[in-house]
C-alpha atoms as a PDB file:
ATOM      1  CA  MET A   1      47.826  10.508 -57.305  1.00  0.00           C
ATOM      2  CA  ARG A   2      45.279   8.796 -58.482  1.00  0.00           C
ATOM      3  CA  VAL A   3      44.184   7.154 -61.256  1.00  0.00           C
ATOM      4  CA  PRO A   4      40.847   7.611 -63.549  1.00  0.00           C
ATOM      5  CA  ASN A   5      38.373   4.828 -63.811  1.00  0.00           C
ATOM      6  CA  GLU A   6      38.853   4.940 -67.965  1.00  0.00           C
ATOM      7  CA  MET A   7      42.831   4.702 -67.141  1.00  0.00           C
ATOM      8  CA  LYS A   8      42.086   1.465 -64.594  1.00  0.00           C
ATOM      9  CA  GLN A   9      39.728  -0.094 -67.291  1.00  0.00           C
ATOM     10  CA  ASP A  10      42.837  -0.142 -69.865  1.00  0.00           C
ATOM     11  CA  ILE A  11      45.251  -1.718 -68.016  1.00  0.00           C
ATOM     12  CA  VAL A  12      42.933  -4.306 -66.745  1.00  0.00           C
ATOM     13  CA  TYR A  13      41.459  -4.595 -70.873  1.00  0.00           C
ATOM     14  CA  SER A  14      45.524  -5.066 -72.189  1.00  0.00           C
ATOM     15  CA  LYS A  15      46.090  -7.729 -69.670  1.00  0.00           C
ATOM     16  CA  LEU A  16      43.048  -9.494 -70.332  1.00  0.00           C
ATOM     17  CA  CYS A  17      44.574  -9.379 -74.301  1.00  0.00           C
ATOM     18  CA  ALA A  18      48.011 -10.160 -73.082  1.00  0.00           C
ATOM     19  CA  ALA A  19      47.085 -13.321 -71.191  1.00  0.00           C
ATOM     20  CA  TYR A  20      43.769 -14.572 -72.949  1.00  0.00           C
ATOM     21  CA  LEU A  21      43.438 -13.012 -76.361  1.00  0.00           C
ATOM     22  CA  PRO A  22      44.550 -16.360 -78.689  1.00  0.00           C
ATOM     23  CA  ALA A  23      42.963 -18.555 -76.478  1.00  0.00           C
ATOM     24  CA  MET A  24      39.555 -16.338 -76.777  1.00  0.00           C
ATOM     25  CA  VAL A  25      39.988 -15.971 -80.405  1.00  0.00           C
ATOM     26  CA  SER A  26      40.186 -19.651 -80.917  1.00  0.00           C
ATOM     27  CA  ARG A  27      37.034 -20.617 -78.296  1.00  0.00           C
ATOM     28  CA  PHE A  28      34.780 -18.317 -80.583  1.00  0.00           C
ATOM     29  CA  LEU A  29      35.961 -20.426 -83.893  1.00  0.00           C
ATOM     30  CA  GLU A  30      34.959 -23.389 -82.186  1.00  0.00           C
ATOM     31  CA  GLY A  31      31.951 -22.520 -81.383  1.00  0.00           C
ATOM     32  CA  PRO A  32      30.299 -22.836 -77.694  1.00  0.00           C
ATOM     33  CA  ARG A  33      28.558 -25.577 -76.992  1.00  0.00           C
ATOM     34  CA  PRO A  34      24.772 -24.905 -75.963  1.00  0.00           C
ATOM     35  CA  PRO A  35      23.677 -26.283 -71.934  1.00  0.00           C
ATOM     36  CA  LEU A  36      22.050 -29.748 -72.430  1.00  0.00           C
ATOM     37  CA  ASN A  37      18.052 -29.913 -73.029  1.00  0.00           C
ATOM     38  CA  ALA A  38      18.447 -26.136 -74.799  1.00  0.00           C
ATOM     39  CA  PRO A  39      15.922 -25.216 -77.058  1.00  0.00           C
ATOM     40  CA  SER A  40      16.467 -25.688 -80.524  1.00  0.00           C
ATOM     41  CA  TYR A  41      17.207 -21.740 -80.803  1.00  0.00           C
ATOM     42  CA  MET A  42      19.810 -21.643 -77.996  1.00  0.00           C
ATOM     43  CA  ASP A  43      22.163 -23.154 -80.440  1.00  0.00           C
ATOM     44  CA  GLU A  44      21.973 -20.489 -82.944  1.00  0.00           C
ATOM     45  CA  ASP A  45      22.203 -17.855 -80.705  1.00  0.00           C
ATOM     46  CA  LEU A  46      25.418 -19.353 -79.189  1.00  0.00           C
ATOM     47  CA  LYS A  47      27.366 -19.043 -82.640  1.00  0.00           C
ATOM     48  CA  VAL A  48      27.861 -15.321 -81.871  1.00  0.00           C
ATOM     49  CA  ASN A  49      25.714 -14.543 -79.374  1.00  0.00           C
ATOM     50  CA  ASN A  50      28.127 -15.162 -76.709  1.00  0.00           C
ATOM     51  CA  ALA A  51      31.076 -14.272 -74.075  1.00  0.00           C
ATOM     52  CA  TYR A  52      33.888 -14.387 -75.966  1.00  0.00           C
ATOM     53  CA  LEU A  53      32.049 -12.278 -78.721  1.00  0.00           C
ATOM     54  CA  GLU A  54      30.993 -10.156 -75.894  1.00  0.00           C
ATOM     55  CA  MET A  55      35.130  -9.545 -74.593  1.00  0.00           C
ATOM     56  CA  MET A  56      36.734  -9.225 -77.541  1.00  0.00           C
ATOM     57  CA  ALA A  57      33.893  -6.338 -78.746  1.00  0.00           C
ATOM     58  CA  ALA A  58      35.183  -5.181 -75.107  1.00  0.00           C
ATOM     59  CA  MET A  59      38.941  -5.469 -75.480  1.00  0.00           C
ATOM     60  CA  SER A  60      38.627  -4.448 -78.959  1.00  0.00           C
ATOM     61  CA  HIS A  61      39.347  -0.837 -78.927  1.00  0.00           C
ATOM     62  CA  SER A  62      43.178  -1.460 -77.513  1.00  0.00           C
ATOM     63  CA  PRO A  63      46.199  -1.361 -79.200  1.00  0.00           C
ATOM     64  CA  TYR A  64      46.410  -5.357 -77.697  1.00  0.00           C
ATOM     65  CA  PHE A  65      43.600  -6.741 -79.502  1.00  0.00           C
ATOM     66  CA  THR A  66      45.059  -4.425 -82.980  1.00  0.00           C
ATOM     67  CA  LYS A  67      48.422  -5.751 -82.759  1.00  0.00           C
ATOM     68  CA  PHE A  68      47.087  -9.261 -81.938  1.00  0.00           C
ATOM     69  CA  LEU A  69      45.596  -9.045 -85.517  1.00  0.00           C
ATOM     70  CA  ARG A  70      48.231  -7.894 -87.751  1.00  0.00           C
ATOM     71  CA  SER A  71      50.797 -10.282 -85.976  1.00  0.00           C
ATOM     72  CA  GLN A  72      52.065 -12.753 -87.538  1.00  0.00           C
ATOM     73  CA  GLN A  73      52.985 -15.062 -84.577  1.00  0.00           C
ATOM     74  CA  PRO A  74      51.485 -18.637 -84.575  1.00  0.00           C
ATOM     75  CA  ALA A  75      49.381 -17.810 -81.983  1.00  0.00           C
ATOM     76  CA  SER A  76      47.440 -14.771 -83.521  1.00  0.00           C
ATOM     77  CA  GLN A  77      46.460 -16.524 -87.143  1.00  0.00           C
ATOM     78  CA  GLY A  78      42.916 -17.200 -85.023  1.00  0.00           C
ATOM     79  CA  GLY A  79      42.396 -14.078 -85.791  1.00  0.00           C
ATOM     80  CA  LYS A  80      43.124 -14.096 -89.699  1.00  0.00           C
ATOM     81  CA  GLN A  81      39.911 -16.029 -89.663  1.00  0.00           C
ATOM     82  CA  LEU A  82      37.842 -14.206 -87.293  1.00  0.00           C
ATOM     83  CA  LEU A  83      35.860 -11.609 -89.787  1.00  0.00           C
ATOM     84  CA  ARG A  84      35.270 -14.779 -92.437  1.00  0.00           C
ATOM     85  CA  VAL A  85      33.978 -17.045 -89.547  1.00  0.00           C
ATOM     86  CA  LEU A  86      31.901 -14.211 -88.165  1.00  0.00           C
ATOM     87  CA  ALA A  87      30.213 -13.086 -91.227  1.00  0.00           C
ATOM     88  CA  SER A  88      29.077 -16.691 -92.169  1.00  0.00           C
ATOM     89  CA  ARG A  89      27.813 -16.894 -89.006  1.00  0.00           C
ATOM     90  CA  LEU A  90      25.723 -13.775 -88.851  1.00  0.00           C
ATOM     91  CA  ILE A  91      24.735 -14.223 -92.234  1.00  0.00           C
ATOM     92  CA  GLU A  92      23.389 -17.783 -91.555  1.00  0.00           C
ATOM     93  CA  ILE A  93      21.703 -16.640 -87.522  1.00  0.00           C
ATOM     94  CA  ALA A  94      20.223 -13.513 -89.431  1.00  0.00           C
ATOM     95  CA  PRO A  95      16.960 -14.753 -90.608  1.00  0.00           C
ATOM     96  CA  GLY A  96      16.516 -16.257 -87.381  1.00  0.00           C
ATOM     97  CA  TRP A  97      17.033 -13.181 -85.382  1.00  0.00           C
ATOM     98  CA  ASP A  98      15.178 -10.811 -87.818  1.00  0.00           C
ATOM     99  CA  ARG A  99      11.996 -12.626 -87.123  1.00  0.00           C
ATOM    100  CA  ARG A 100      12.685 -12.332 -83.021  1.00  0.00           C
ATOM    101  CA  MET A 101      13.498  -9.044 -83.730  1.00  0.00           C
ATOM    102  CA  GLN A 102      10.202  -7.961 -85.352  1.00  0.00           C
ATOM    103  CA  ASN A 103       8.655 -10.444 -83.208  1.00  0.00           C
ATOM    104  CA  PRO A 104      10.194 -10.280 -79.964  1.00  0.00           C
ATOM    105  CA  PRO A 105      10.308 -14.025 -77.655  1.00  0.00           C
ATOM    106  CA  SER A 106       8.534 -13.367 -73.793  1.00  0.00           C
ATOM    107  CA  ASN A 107      11.786 -15.260 -72.131  1.00  0.00           C
ATOM    108  CA  HIS A 108      14.187 -12.398 -73.822  1.00  0.00           C
ATOM    109  CA  ASP A 109      14.432  -8.433 -73.312  1.00  0.00           C
ATOM    110  CA  PRO A 110      13.206  -6.056 -75.236  1.00  0.00           C
ATOM    111  CA  GLY A 111      16.369  -4.817 -77.966  1.00  0.00           C
ATOM    112  CA  TYR A 112      17.763  -8.267 -77.051  1.00  0.00           C
ATOM    113  CA  TYR A 113      18.242  -9.146 -80.298  1.00  0.00           C
ATOM    114  CA  GLU A 114      19.295  -5.840 -81.775  1.00  0.00           C
ATOM    115  CA  SER A 115      21.815  -5.562 -79.343  1.00  0.00           C
ATOM    116  CA  ALA A 116      23.216  -8.914 -80.373  1.00  0.00           C
ATOM    117  CA  ALA A 117      23.232  -7.849 -84.273  1.00  0.00           C
ATOM    118  CA  GLY A 118      25.369  -4.426 -83.006  1.00  0.00           C
ATOM    119  CA  THR A 119      27.976  -6.230 -80.859  1.00  0.00           C
ATOM    120  CA  ALA A 120      28.351  -8.514 -83.967  1.00  0.00           C
ATOM    121  CA  VAL A 121      28.172  -5.752 -86.821  1.00  0.00           C
ATOM    122  CA  GLN A 122      30.705  -3.539 -84.585  1.00  0.00           C
ATOM    123  CA  MET A 123      33.493  -6.258 -84.385  1.00  0.00           C
ATOM    124  CA  ILE A 124      33.094  -6.790 -88.160  1.00  0.00           C
ATOM    125  CA  SER A 125      33.804  -3.190 -88.679  1.00  0.00           C
ATOM    126  CA  THR A 126      36.534  -2.952 -85.861  1.00  0.00           C
ATOM    127  CA  LEU A 127      38.097  -6.520 -88.305  1.00  0.00           C
ATOM    128  CA  LEU A 128      37.311  -4.347 -91.194  1.00  0.00           C
ATOM    129  CA  ALA A 129      39.192  -1.040 -89.773  1.00  0.00           C
ATOM    130  CA  ALA A 130      41.569  -3.492 -88.720  1.00  0.00           C
ATOM    131  CA  PHE A 131      42.614  -5.171 -92.280  1.00  0.00           C
ATOM    132  CA  VAL A 132      42.030  -1.952 -94.751  1.00  0.00           C
ATOM    133  CA  LYS A 133      45.056  -2.699 -95.808  1.00  0.00           C
ATOM    134  CA  GLU A 134      44.713  -5.515 -97.380  1.00  0.00           C
ATOM    135  CA  PRO A 135      44.063  -6.338-101.033  1.00  0.00           C
ATOM    136  CA  GLU A 136      40.372  -6.906-102.016  1.00  0.00           C
ATOM    137  CA  ASN A 137      41.323 -10.503-103.080  1.00  0.00           C
ATOM    138  CA  SER A 138      42.822 -11.281 -99.607  1.00  0.00           C
ATOM    139  CA  PRO A 139      42.056 -14.535 -97.626  1.00  0.00           C
ATOM    140  CA  ILE A 140      41.615 -12.531 -94.967  1.00  0.00           C
ATOM    141  CA  LEU A 141      38.070 -10.693 -96.258  1.00  0.00           C
ATOM    142  CA  LEU A 142      34.836 -11.378 -97.936  1.00  0.00           C
ATOM    143  CA  ALA A 143      34.542 -13.653-100.392  1.00  0.00           C
ATOM    144  CA  GLY A 144      31.886 -12.294-103.034  1.00  0.00           C
ATOM    145  CA  GLU A 145      29.124 -14.372-101.993  1.00  0.00           C
ATOM    146  CA  ASP A 146      28.941 -13.640 -98.402  1.00  0.00           C
ATOM    147  CA  LYS A 147      29.594  -9.923 -98.932  1.00  0.00           C
ATOM    148  CA  ASN A 148      26.851  -9.199-101.170  1.00  0.00           C
ATOM    149  CA  SER A 149      24.846 -11.879 -98.441  1.00  0.00           C
ATOM    150  CA  LEU A 150      25.836  -9.565 -95.740  1.00  0.00           C
ATOM    151  CA  LEU A 151      24.915  -6.203 -97.255  1.00  0.00           C
ATOM    152  CA  VAL A 152      21.990  -7.400 -97.390  1.00  0.00           C
ATOM    153  CA  TRP A 153      21.087  -7.820 -93.957  1.00  0.00           C
ATOM    154  CA  LEU A 154      23.292  -4.772 -93.251  1.00  0.00           C
ATOM    155  CA  ASN A 155      20.782  -2.851 -95.294  1.00  0.00           C
ATOM    156  CA  GLN A 156      17.931  -4.013 -94.263  1.00  0.00           C
ATOM    157  CA  TRP A 157      18.811  -3.469 -90.638  1.00  0.00           C
ATOM    158  CA  GLU A 158      19.834   0.711 -91.640  1.00  0.00           C
ATOM    159  CA  ARG A 159      16.717   0.999 -92.660  1.00  0.00           C
ATOM    160  CA  ARG A 160      14.472  -0.437 -89.877  1.00  0.00           C
ATOM    161  CA  TYR A 161      17.165   0.861 -86.552  1.00  0.00           C
ATOM    162  CA  ARG A 162      18.120   4.431 -88.679  1.00  0.00           C
ATOM    163  CA  ASN A 163      18.074   6.287 -85.247  1.00  0.00           C
ATOM    164  CA  GLU A 164      19.764   3.517 -83.761  1.00  0.00           C
ATOM    165  CA  PHE A 165      22.354   1.897 -82.146  1.00  0.00           C
ATOM    166  CA  LEU A 166      21.939  -1.311 -84.898  1.00  0.00           C
ATOM    167  CA  GLY A 167      21.262   0.851 -87.842  1.00  0.00           C
ATOM    168  CA  ARG A 168      24.268   3.438 -87.283  1.00  0.00           C
ATOM    169  CA  VAL A 169      26.607   0.025 -86.562  1.00  0.00           C
ATOM    170  CA  CYS A 170      25.174  -1.269 -90.185  1.00  0.00           C
ATOM    171  CA  ASN A 171      25.543   2.049 -91.616  1.00  0.00           C
ATOM    172  CA  ARG A 172      29.490   1.953 -90.959  1.00  0.00           C
ATOM    173  CA  ALA A 173      29.936  -1.540 -91.910  1.00  0.00           C
ATOM    174  CA  LYS A 174      28.326  -1.099 -95.068  1.00  0.00           C
ATOM    175  CA  ILE A 175      30.304   2.120 -96.119  1.00  0.00           C
ATOM    176  CA  GLN A 176      33.643  -0.288 -94.976  1.00  0.00           C
ATOM    177  CA  LEU A 177      32.392  -3.410 -97.099  1.00  0.00           C
ATOM    178  CA  GLU A 178      31.744  -1.213-100.045  1.00  0.00           C
ATOM    179  CA  ARG A 179      35.299   0.592-100.047  1.00  0.00           C
ATOM    180  CA  HIS A 180      34.328   4.041 -99.537  1.00  0.00           C
ATOM    181  CA  SER A 181      37.600   6.023-100.151  1.00  0.00           C
ATOM    182  CA  ALA A 182      36.247   8.566 -97.210  1.00  0.00           C
ATOM    183  CA  MET A 183      35.980   5.299 -94.615  1.00  0.00           C
ATOM    184  CA  MET A 184      39.269   4.127 -95.992  1.00  0.00           C
ATOM    185  CA  THR A 185      40.755   7.047 -95.431  1.00  0.00           C
ATOM    186  CA  ASP A 186      39.592   7.155 -91.973  1.00  0.00           C
ATOM    187  CA  ALA A 187      40.601   3.394 -91.377  1.00  0.00           C
ATOM    188  CA  GLN A 188      43.676   4.098 -92.140  1.00  0.00           C
ATOM    189  CA  GLN A 189      44.746   7.078 -90.272  1.00  0.00           C
ATOM    190  CA  ILE A 190      43.776   5.113 -87.797  1.00  0.00           C
ATOM    191  CA  ARG A 191      45.615   2.186 -88.394  1.00  0.00           C
ATOM    192  CA  ARG A 192      48.541   4.331 -89.022  1.00  0.00           C
ATOM    193  CA  MET A 193      48.667   6.318 -85.299  1.00  0.00           C
ATOM    194  CA  LEU A 194      48.066   2.477 -83.988  1.00  0.00           C
ATOM    195  CA  LYS A 195      51.108   1.151 -86.139  1.00  0.00           C
ATOM    196  CA  ASN A 196      53.586   1.784 -84.264  1.00  0.00           C
ATOM    197  CA  TRP A 197      52.724   1.957 -80.643  1.00  0.00           C
ATOM    198  CA  ASN A 198      54.987  -0.602 -79.586  1.00  0.00           C
ATOM    199  CA  VAL A 199      58.541   0.642 -80.608  1.00  0.00           C
ATOM    200  CA  CYS A 200      60.626   2.360 -78.719  1.00  0.00           C
ATOM    201  CA  GLY A 201      60.896   5.889 -78.421  1.00  0.00           C
ATOM    202  CA  LYS A 202      64.942   6.430 -78.240  1.00  0.00           C
ATOM    203  CA  PRO A 203      65.829   7.658 -81.801  1.00  0.00           C
ATOM    204  CA  ASP A 204      67.684   4.706 -84.668  1.00  0.00           C
ATOM    205  CA  CYS A 205      66.596   2.029 -82.269  1.00  0.00           C
ATOM    206  CA  ASN A 206      64.479  -0.774 -83.968  1.00  0.00           C
ATOM    207  CA  VAL A 207      63.755  -3.223 -81.117  1.00  0.00           C
ATOM    208  CA  THR A 208      59.924  -4.549 -81.083  1.00  0.00           C
ATOM    209  CA  SER A 209      59.662  -6.650 -78.636  1.00  0.00           C
ATOM    210  CA  ASN A 210      60.957  -7.645 -74.748  1.00  0.00           C
ATOM    211  CA  LEU A 211      60.982  -3.190 -74.808  1.00  0.00           C
ATOM    212  CA  LYS A 212      62.406  -2.083 -71.385  1.00  0.00           C
ATOM    213  CA  VAL A 213      63.481   1.172 -70.330  1.00  0.00           C
ATOM    214  CA  CYS A 214      66.922   2.761 -71.135  1.00  0.00           C
ATOM    215  CA  GLY A 215      69.335   2.879 -68.568  1.00  0.00           C
ATOM    216  CA  ARG A 216      70.371   5.894 -69.591  1.00  0.00           C
END
């Protein structure tokens, strides 16, 4: 029996999550350093547009990613900081990125900054969905000032790139930040679907770790 390519990808991403996700989040929170003698804007870009965020975005569909974000284990605590750190960095660099979106530098492909911003906003949307049950005053979610500042950029990019990837993810993240009831309901349904993915299928069995196939 041939394994579909999508399933093969899921296996790879699941193994990556299980082995490297905590370290990957830690490296992102620390922030990668630009190469020596790199142009000044590269230091700004790398705060958000780096390999760690790209890999997390690729793995974010995996149940392992959701489990990591909700876990109370010490190795998972970086996931609780991810939303605020990512949003804060995006707010900081958004003015520079916005200028370069409208006046693309010659050393980057067209759409480079729109794609980078889209990946960051999509990850913010994923994190908002994962933490949909958190109360509004939770330290995991965005504080008032950061929330309002991020909404300014989400609104601006949504209007400018309405029919493109960046505009669509900005619209979704904006609705989530404003906690619209329909989006909250959808996020909670997805959350419930993934909630018990690692619970034993045997009735009345509450084991959630070291799962093994039942001998019977």
